[in-house]
């Protein structure tokens, strides 16, 4: 059974930054409106191998709200594959379409 992100055994922090110039308040507002963590799970294989990493994801949102991943940066392929699979199912209607966004996901076992 997969452990959800809010498990006591791990921490995953999220920071959403639009690549346009935004004020700190605007960035905070975007961050508060996005609840991406409900969609992301720590990969079982990474957990069993005791892997931790910081993953940087660049994505856009299409006109239907679906996330389109542009790039995933991680030192481990397991995290790249997990993020690509899990984020491809996310609908984010609250974000502007066709703008690039970055999200930093810190996978860390405690």
Protein backbone atom coordinates (compact mmCIF):
# COMPACT_ATOMS: atom_id res chain seq x y z
CA UNK A 1 0.00 0.00 0.00
CA UNK A 2 1.34 3.40 -0.93
CA UNK A 3 1.95 5.90 1.82
CA UNK A 4 0.43 9.29 1.21
CA UNK A 5 2.60 12.35 1.35
CA UNK A 6 1.47 13.45 4.79
CA UNK A 7 2.94 10.34 6.39
CA UNK A 8 5.05 10.90 9.49
CA UNK A 9 7.84 8.93 7.82
CA UNK A 10 8.62 11.56 5.20
CA UNK A 11 8.43 15.20 4.37
CA UNK A 12 7.77 16.65 0.97
CA UNK A 13 7.75 20.39 0.65
CA UNK A 14 6.35 22.29 -2.27
CA UNK A 15 7.18 25.68 -3.68
CA UNK A 16 5.35 26.89 -6.75
CA UNK A 17 7.01 29.73 -8.60
CA UNK A 18 5.63 31.23 -11.77
CA UNK A 19 8.47 32.16 -14.09
CA UNK A 20 7.04 35.62 -14.70
CA UNK A 21 7.84 38.35 -12.19
CA UNK A 22 5.36 38.03 -9.34
CA UNK A 23 5.21 39.78 -6.02
CA UNK A 24 5.72 37.73 -2.88
CA UNK A 25 2.00 38.02 -2.13
CA UNK A 26 1.04 36.72 -5.56
CA UNK A 27 3.41 33.77 -5.17
CA UNK A 28 1.96 33.07 -1.75
CA UNK A 29 -1.59 33.23 -3.13
CA UNK A 30 -0.74 30.76 -5.90
CA UNK A 31 0.96 28.46 -3.41
CA UNK A 32 -2.07 28.49 -1.14
CA UNK A 33 -4.49 27.72 -3.95
CA UNK A 34 -2.52 24.71 -5.16
CA UNK A 35 -2.86 21.49 -3.26
CA UNK A 36 -0.54 19.39 -5.38
CA UNK A 37 0.68 17.30 -2.47
CA UNK A 38 -2.54 15.29 -2.47
CA UNK A 39 -1.50 13.89 -5.86
CA UNK A 40 2.12 12.96 -5.12
CA UNK A 41 3.22 9.81 -3.33
CA UNK A 42 6.71 8.74 -2.29
CA UNK A 43 7.73 5.98 -4.71
CA UNK A 44 7.85 2.60 -2.96
CA UNK A 45 11.10 1.63 -4.70
CA UNK A 46 12.76 4.86 -3.55
CA UNK A 47 11.55 4.27 -0.01
CA UNK A 48 12.86 0.70 0.09
CA UNK A 49 16.24 1.87 -1.27
CA UNK A 50 16.25 4.74 1.27
CA UNK A 51 16.54 7.35 -1.52
CA UNK A 52 15.96 11.07 -0.99
CA UNK A 53 16.16 13.84 -3.57
CA UNK A 54 15.06 17.31 -4.56
CA UNK A 55 13.03 17.14 -7.77
CA UNK A 56 12.42 20.20 -9.92
CA UNK A 57 9.45 20.04 -12.26
CA UNK A 58 8.69 22.56 -15.00
CA UNK A 59 5.17 22.41 -16.33
CA UNK A 60 2.36 24.24 -18.10
CA UNK A 61 -1.38 23.98 -17.74
CA UNK A 62 -3.38 23.54 -20.94
CA UNK A 63 -6.78 25.08 -21.68
CA UNK A 64 -8.57 22.18 -19.97
CA UNK A 65 -6.49 22.56 -16.79
CA UNK A 66 -4.42 19.44 -17.42
CA UNK A 67 -0.76 19.56 -16.37
CA UNK A 68 1.73 19.24 -19.23
CA UNK A 69 5.21 18.44 -17.93
CA UNK A 70 8.07 20.16 -19.75
CA UNK A 71 10.99 18.86 -17.67
CA UNK A 72 11.78 16.86 -14.54
CA UNK A 73 15.20 17.18 -12.90
CA UNK A 74 16.31 14.53 -10.42
CA UNK A 75 19.40 12.47 -9.84
CA UNK A 76 17.25 9.32 -9.65
CA UNK A 77 15.17 7.95 -12.52
CA UNK A 78 12.61 6.52 -10.07
CA UNK A 79 11.63 10.01 -8.92
CA UNK A 80 11.46 11.31 -12.50
CA UNK A 81 9.16 8.48 -13.57
CA UNK A 82 6.95 8.78 -10.49
CA UNK A 83 6.48 12.53 -10.91
CA UNK A 84 5.74 12.24 -14.63
CA UNK A 85 3.15 9.55 -14.00
CA UNK A 86 1.52 11.15 -10.97
CA UNK A 87 1.40 14.74 -12.23
CA UNK A 88 -0.02 13.73 -15.62
CA UNK A 89 -3.34 13.10 -13.87
CA UNK A 90 -3.61 16.51 -12.21
CA UNK A 91 -6.13 19.14 -13.27
CA UNK A 92 -5.28 22.69 -12.11
CA UNK A 93 -8.00 25.02 -13.33
CA UNK A 94 -6.87 27.79 -10.99
CA UNK A 95 -3.59 28.46 -12.85
CA UNK A 96 -3.10 30.53 -15.98
CA UNK A 97 -2.77 28.47 -19.13
CA UNK A 98 0.34 28.32 -21.30
CA UNK A 99 2.64 29.84 -18.67
CA UNK A 100 5.63 27.97 -17.32
CA UNK A 101 5.65 27.02 -13.65
CA UNK A 102 8.35 25.38 -11.53
CA UNK A 103 7.68 23.21 -8.54
CA UNK A 104 10.34 21.95 -6.17
CA UNK A 105 9.51 18.67 -4.47
CA UNK A 106 11.79 17.53 -1.65
CA UNK A 107 11.52 13.79 -1.06
CA UNK A 108 13.17 13.02 2.26
CA UNK A 109 12.82 10.05 4.54
CA UNK A 110 13.00 10.85 8.22
